[in-house]
Protein backbone atom coordinates (compact mmCIF):
# COMPACT_ATOMS: atom_id res chain seq x y z
CA MET A 1 0.24 -0.55 -0.06
CA SER A 2 2.99 2.41 0.72
CA ALA A 3 4.57 1.65 -2.58
CA ARG A 4 1.11 2.83 -3.36
CA ARG A 5 0.86 6.30 -2.55
CA PRO A 6 3.99 7.96 -4.33
CA ALA A 7 3.15 6.87 -8.22
CA ARG A 8 -0.85 8.04 -7.45
CA VAL A 9 1.61 11.19 -5.72
CA THR A 10 3.37 11.37 -8.80
CA GLY A 11 0.32 10.99 -11.39
CA LEU A 12 -1.40 13.68 -8.95
CA GLN A 13 1.63 16.33 -9.75
CA LEU A 14 2.13 15.61 -12.98
CA ILE A 15 -1.46 15.96 -14.43
CA ALA A 16 -1.40 19.62 -12.11
CA ALA A 17 1.86 20.24 -13.44
CA VAL A 18 -0.01 20.15 -16.45
CA VAL A 19 -3.34 21.81 -15.54
CA LEU A 20 -1.16 24.86 -14.58
CA ALA A 21 1.55 24.74 -17.60
CA GLY A 22 -2.20 25.07 -19.21
CA LEU A 23 -2.70 27.69 -17.42
CA GLY A 24 0.07 29.26 -18.30
CA PHE A 25 0.08 28.64 -21.60
CA LEU A 26 -3.43 30.52 -22.17
CA PHE A 27 -2.28 33.94 -19.21
CA VAL A 28 0.40 34.44 -22.18
CA VAL A 29 -1.96 33.74 -25.09
CA GLN A 30 -4.48 36.51 -23.32
CA VAL A 31 -1.73 38.14 -21.82
CA ARG A 32 -0.84 39.43 -25.84
CA ALA A 33 -4.11 39.43 -27.31
CA GLY A 34 -5.11 42.13 -24.43
CA ARG A 35 -1.61 43.77 -26.09
CA LEU A 36 -2.65 43.54 -29.22
CA LEU A 37 -5.68 44.69 -28.62
CA HIS A 38 -4.57 47.91 -27.21
CA ALA A 39 -2.07 47.80 -30.17
CA GLN A 40 -4.03 47.64 -32.78
CA PRO A 41 -6.78 50.47 -32.61
CA GLU A 42 -3.68 53.82 -32.94
CA VAL A 43 -2.81 52.89 -36.48
CA PRO A 44 -6.55 52.66 -37.99
CA THR A 45 -7.29 56.14 -35.77
CA ARG A 46 -4.19 57.38 -37.82
CA ASN A 47 -5.82 56.60 -40.72
CA VAL A 48 -9.20 57.82 -39.74
CA TYR A 49 -7.89 61.60 -39.15
CA ALA A 50 -5.56 61.13 -42.36
CA LEU A 51 -8.80 60.14 -43.86
CA ALA A 52 -10.50 63.24 -42.74
CA THR A 53 -8.03 65.83 -43.61
CA LEU A 54 -7.91 63.88 -47.40
CA LEU A 55 -11.41 64.39 -47.51
CA ARG A 56 -11.83 67.89 -46.44
CA GLN A 57 -9.09 68.66 -48.79
CA GLU A 58 -10.03 67.86 -51.70
CA ARG A 59 -13.58 69.35 -50.72
CA GLU A 60 -11.82 72.16 -50.57
CA ALA A 61 -9.88 71.18 -53.40
CA ARG A 62 -13.81 70.70 -55.48
CA LEU A 63 -15.50 73.36 -54.08
CA ALA A 64 -12.11 75.87 -55.85
CA LEU A 65 -13.39 73.70 -58.66
CA GLU A 66 -16.63 74.57 -58.71
CA ARG A 67 -16.47 78.47 -58.52
CA GLN A 68 -13.49 78.22 -61.15
CA VAL A 69 -15.74 76.70 -63.05
CA GLU A 70 -19.23 78.96 -62.62
CA THR A 71 -16.43 82.11 -63.39
CA LEU A 72 -15.35 80.40 -67.39
CA GLN A 73 -19.14 80.19 -66.91
CA ARG A 74 -19.79 83.63 -66.90
CA ARG A 75 -16.91 84.71 -68.67
CA GLN A 76 -17.94 82.38 -71.60
CA VAL A 77 -20.98 84.40 -71.37
CA GLU A 78 -20.03 87.92 -71.17
CA VAL A 79 -17.24 86.57 -74.35
CA GLU A 80 -20.48 85.01 -76.09
CA ARG A 81 -22.79 88.92 -75.60
CA ALA A 82 -19.89 90.36 -76.56
CA ALA A 83 -19.14 88.54 -79.99
CA THR A 84 -22.84 88.44 -80.45
CA ALA A 85 -22.65 92.62 -80.34
CA GLY A 86 -19.56 93.22 -82.30
CA ARG A 87 -20.90 90.83 -84.46
CA THR A 88 -24.43 92.94 -84.58
CA LEU A 89 -21.51 96.39 -84.53
CA THR A 90 -19.43 94.14 -87.78
CA ALA A 91 -23.34 94.29 -89.93
CA ALA A 92 -24.27 97.68 -89.14
CA MET A 93 -21.05 99.17 -90.50
CA SER A 94 -20.85 96.66 -92.85
CA ARG A 95 -23.59 97.80 -93.71
CA GLU A 96 -23.28 101.80 -92.71
CA LEU A 97 -19.92 101.44 -95.44
CA GLU A 98 -22.00 99.77 -98.28
CA SER A 99 -24.49 102.42 -98.30
CA LEU A 100 -21.42 105.61 -97.83
CA ARG A 101 -20.05 103.71 -101.12
CA ALA A 102 -23.85 103.71 -102.58
CA LEU A 103 -23.60 107.66 -102.38
CA ALA A 104 -20.08 108.47 -102.99
CA GLY A 105 -20.92 106.62 -106.42
CA LEU A 106 -18.54 103.65 -105.38
CA LYS A 107 -20.24 100.60 -106.01
CA VAL A 108 -22.50 99.39 -109.41
CA MET A 109 -25.91 100.94 -109.82
CA ARG A 110 -28.90 99.38 -111.45
CA GLY A 111 -32.32 100.55 -111.35
CA PRO A 112 -35.70 102.35 -113.78
CA GLY A 113 -34.67 105.61 -115.50
CA VAL A 114 -34.07 107.02 -118.48
CA THR A 115 -31.82 107.57 -121.03
CA VAL A 116 -30.60 110.46 -122.94
CA ALA A 117 -28.16 110.47 -125.87
CA LEU A 118 -27.56 114.14 -127.09
CA ALA A 119 -25.49 114.93 -130.29
CA ASP A 120 -24.39 117.28 -132.74
CA ALA A 121 -26.91 119.01 -135.49
CA LYS A 122 -27.28 116.89 -137.92
CA ALA A 123 -27.24 120.11 -140.64
CA GLN A 124 -24.74 122.74 -139.68
CA PRO A 125 -25.49 126.31 -141.53
CA PRO A 126 -22.78 126.98 -143.82
CA GLY A 127 -20.58 129.54 -142.87
CA ALA A 128 -21.99 130.02 -139.37
CA THR A 129 -20.39 128.49 -135.35
CA PRO A 130 -20.68 124.07 -134.97
CA VAL A 131 -23.95 123.63 -132.92
CA VAL A 132 -22.40 120.89 -130.97
CA VAL A 133 -22.41 119.36 -127.66
CA THR A 134 -20.39 120.92 -125.16
CA TYR A 135 -19.86 119.64 -121.97
CA GLN A 136 -21.92 123.06 -120.28
CA ASP A 137 -24.76 121.09 -122.16
CA LEU A 138 -23.98 117.18 -120.67
CA VAL A 139 -24.17 119.19 -117.25
CA SER A 140 -27.80 121.10 -117.60
CA VAL A 141 -29.07 118.10 -118.86
CA ILE A 142 -27.73 116.31 -115.33
CA ASN A 143 -28.60 118.23 -113.01
CA GLU A 144 -32.34 118.49 -114.15
CA LEU A 145 -31.80 114.58 -113.18
CA TRP A 146 -30.55 115.22 -110.12
CA ALA A 147 -33.51 118.30 -109.11
CA ALA A 148 -35.50 115.52 -110.56
CA GLY A 149 -34.18 112.54 -107.83
CA ALA A 150 -32.24 110.85 -109.61
CA GLU A 151 -29.96 108.22 -107.86
CA ALA A 152 -26.52 107.32 -109.95
CA VAL A 153 -26.30 109.07 -112.90
CA SER A 154 -23.05 108.54 -115.52
CA VAL A 155 -22.02 109.65 -119.11
CA ASN A 156 -20.30 107.13 -121.10
CA GLY A 157 -19.47 104.84 -119.36
CA GLN A 158 -18.48 107.19 -116.19
CA ARG A 159 -20.17 107.93 -113.25
CA VAL A 160 -20.97 111.31 -111.72
CA THR A 161 -20.08 112.17 -108.20
CA ALA A 162 -19.22 115.04 -106.59
CA MET A 163 -15.72 115.02 -107.32
CA THR A 164 -16.51 114.30 -110.83
CA GLY A 165 -15.77 117.71 -112.52
CA PHE A 166 -16.59 119.01 -116.25
CA GLY A 167 -14.35 120.37 -118.81
CA GLN A 168 -13.75 121.15 -122.79
CA VAL A 169 -10.46 120.48 -125.02
CA GLY A 170 -11.48 120.17 -128.57
CA GLY A 171 -14.22 118.78 -129.54
CA THR A 172 -14.00 117.14 -126.87
CA VAL A 173 -15.37 116.96 -123.14
CA VAL A 174 -13.70 115.99 -120.34
CA VAL A 175 -15.62 114.05 -117.72
CA ASN A 176 -13.67 112.62 -114.81
CA LEU A 177 -10.05 113.65 -116.84
CA GLN A 178 -11.38 111.56 -119.17
CA ARG A 179 -11.58 112.65 -123.12
CA LEU A 180 -15.43 111.76 -124.34
CA ASN A 181 -15.70 112.10 -127.97
CA GLY A 182 -20.22 112.91 -128.18
CA PRO A 183 -22.44 111.06 -129.07
CA PHE A 184 -23.18 111.83 -125.64
CA VAL A 185 -25.43 108.95 -123.75
CA VAL A 186 -26.18 110.19 -120.23
CA THR A 187 -28.28 107.76 -118.20
CA ALA A 188 -30.11 108.31 -114.92
CA ILE A 189 -31.79 106.12 -112.30
CA GLY A 190 -34.24 106.86 -110.68
CA ASP A 191 -38.59 107.44 -110.81
CA PRO A 192 -38.59 106.68 -115.52
CA ALA A 193 -41.71 108.86 -115.51
CA THR A 194 -40.88 111.13 -113.13
CA LEU A 195 -37.16 112.23 -114.91
CA ASP A 196 -38.87 111.70 -118.67
CA GLY A 197 -41.02 114.42 -117.33
CA ALA A 198 -38.26 117.11 -116.21
CA LEU A 199 -36.42 117.12 -119.42
CA ASN A 200 -39.61 117.05 -121.94
CA ILE A 201 -41.80 120.31 -120.03
CA ARG A 202 -42.89 122.14 -122.38
CA GLY A 203 -40.00 125.36 -122.78
CA GLY A 204 -38.01 123.39 -120.59
CA LEU A 205 -33.18 122.81 -120.12
CA VAL A 206 -34.14 120.21 -123.69
CA ASP A 207 -36.78 121.71 -125.69
CA GLY A 208 -33.96 125.01 -126.05
CA LEU A 209 -31.04 122.87 -126.75
CA ARG A 210 -33.73 121.21 -129.44
CA ALA A 211 -34.71 125.31 -130.38
CA LEU A 212 -30.37 125.15 -130.66
CA GLY A 213 -30.58 122.21 -133.10
CA LEU A 214 -28.95 119.74 -130.76
CA SER A 215 -30.30 115.75 -131.05
CA ILE A 216 -31.85 115.26 -127.74
CA VAL A 217 -33.64 111.46 -127.80
CA VAL A 218 -34.88 111.00 -124.36
CA ALA A 219 -35.99 106.89 -123.06
CA ARG A 220 -37.83 105.27 -120.04
CA HIS A 221 -36.24 102.12 -119.71
CA ALA A 222 -36.82 99.07 -116.82
CA ASP A 223 -33.83 97.45 -115.88
CA LEU A 224 -30.64 100.42 -115.90
CA GLN A 225 -27.33 99.67 -114.83
CA VAL A 226 -24.65 102.76 -114.18
CA PRO A 227 -20.98 101.37 -113.62
CA ALA A 228 -19.33 102.32 -110.98
CA TYR A 229 -16.71 105.32 -109.95
CA ARG A 230 -13.71 104.13 -111.42
CA ALA A 231 -11.22 107.04 -110.60
CA VAL A 232 -8.97 106.94 -107.19
CA MET A 233 -10.36 109.38 -104.87
CA LYS A 234 -7.85 110.69 -102.35
CA PHE A 235 -7.08 114.17 -100.53
CA GLU A 236 -4.41 116.56 -100.19
CA HIS A 237 -5.66 120.01 -98.45
CA ALA A 238 -9.13 118.27 -97.32
CA ARG A 239 -9.01 117.30 -93.83
CA PRO A 240 -12.27 116.50 -91.54
CA VAL A 241 -13.30 118.47 -89.06
CA GLU A 242 -13.94 116.61 -85.44
């Protein structure tokens, strides 16, 4: 009996040692796990702060970009308005320029009107001064046409403008510094009936020229064309007053 007790005691001691070792192992594992649990939250916390900072920066950058987009959109609208106004102004200026060019005689004009053909007298009295068309006769006819509302006038293809001068060199008439030979054809655009009536009024200019022996034929036309002034307009001494 005494020999069995130490063996039983030794077995119990071994079991106790194993249990204690297991408890010690579990205790060590628990302690390490506790340390890990206390240490791990530090990393996520730092990450959260970093992510929050990045999120705030991204929001600020987005707001800044939105403000820039709004500014650019406003500028785009302003530029489009300015471009539209510029196109409108350019179109208006173009129309005004074309109107001024037409008034200055720098554009070809087309429309209804009359032609006035003037030729020297066919029967010249012997020994008398020949009856020929002079530049004064042309100027008188053209003035009658202007007074009757003519809008564009030419003589033998030479446009009559405010800069046109008339002269006489021998048997030729000078218009726009160009020497023209008869017969002469004056083309005028305007109301045909009014222009014809103004020239053929009884006792008027045409009757007087015919009485001298000149051949004058006035004809109405539904469609005429008057050329543009081809010479160069320049001012050497005159200056516009501002």
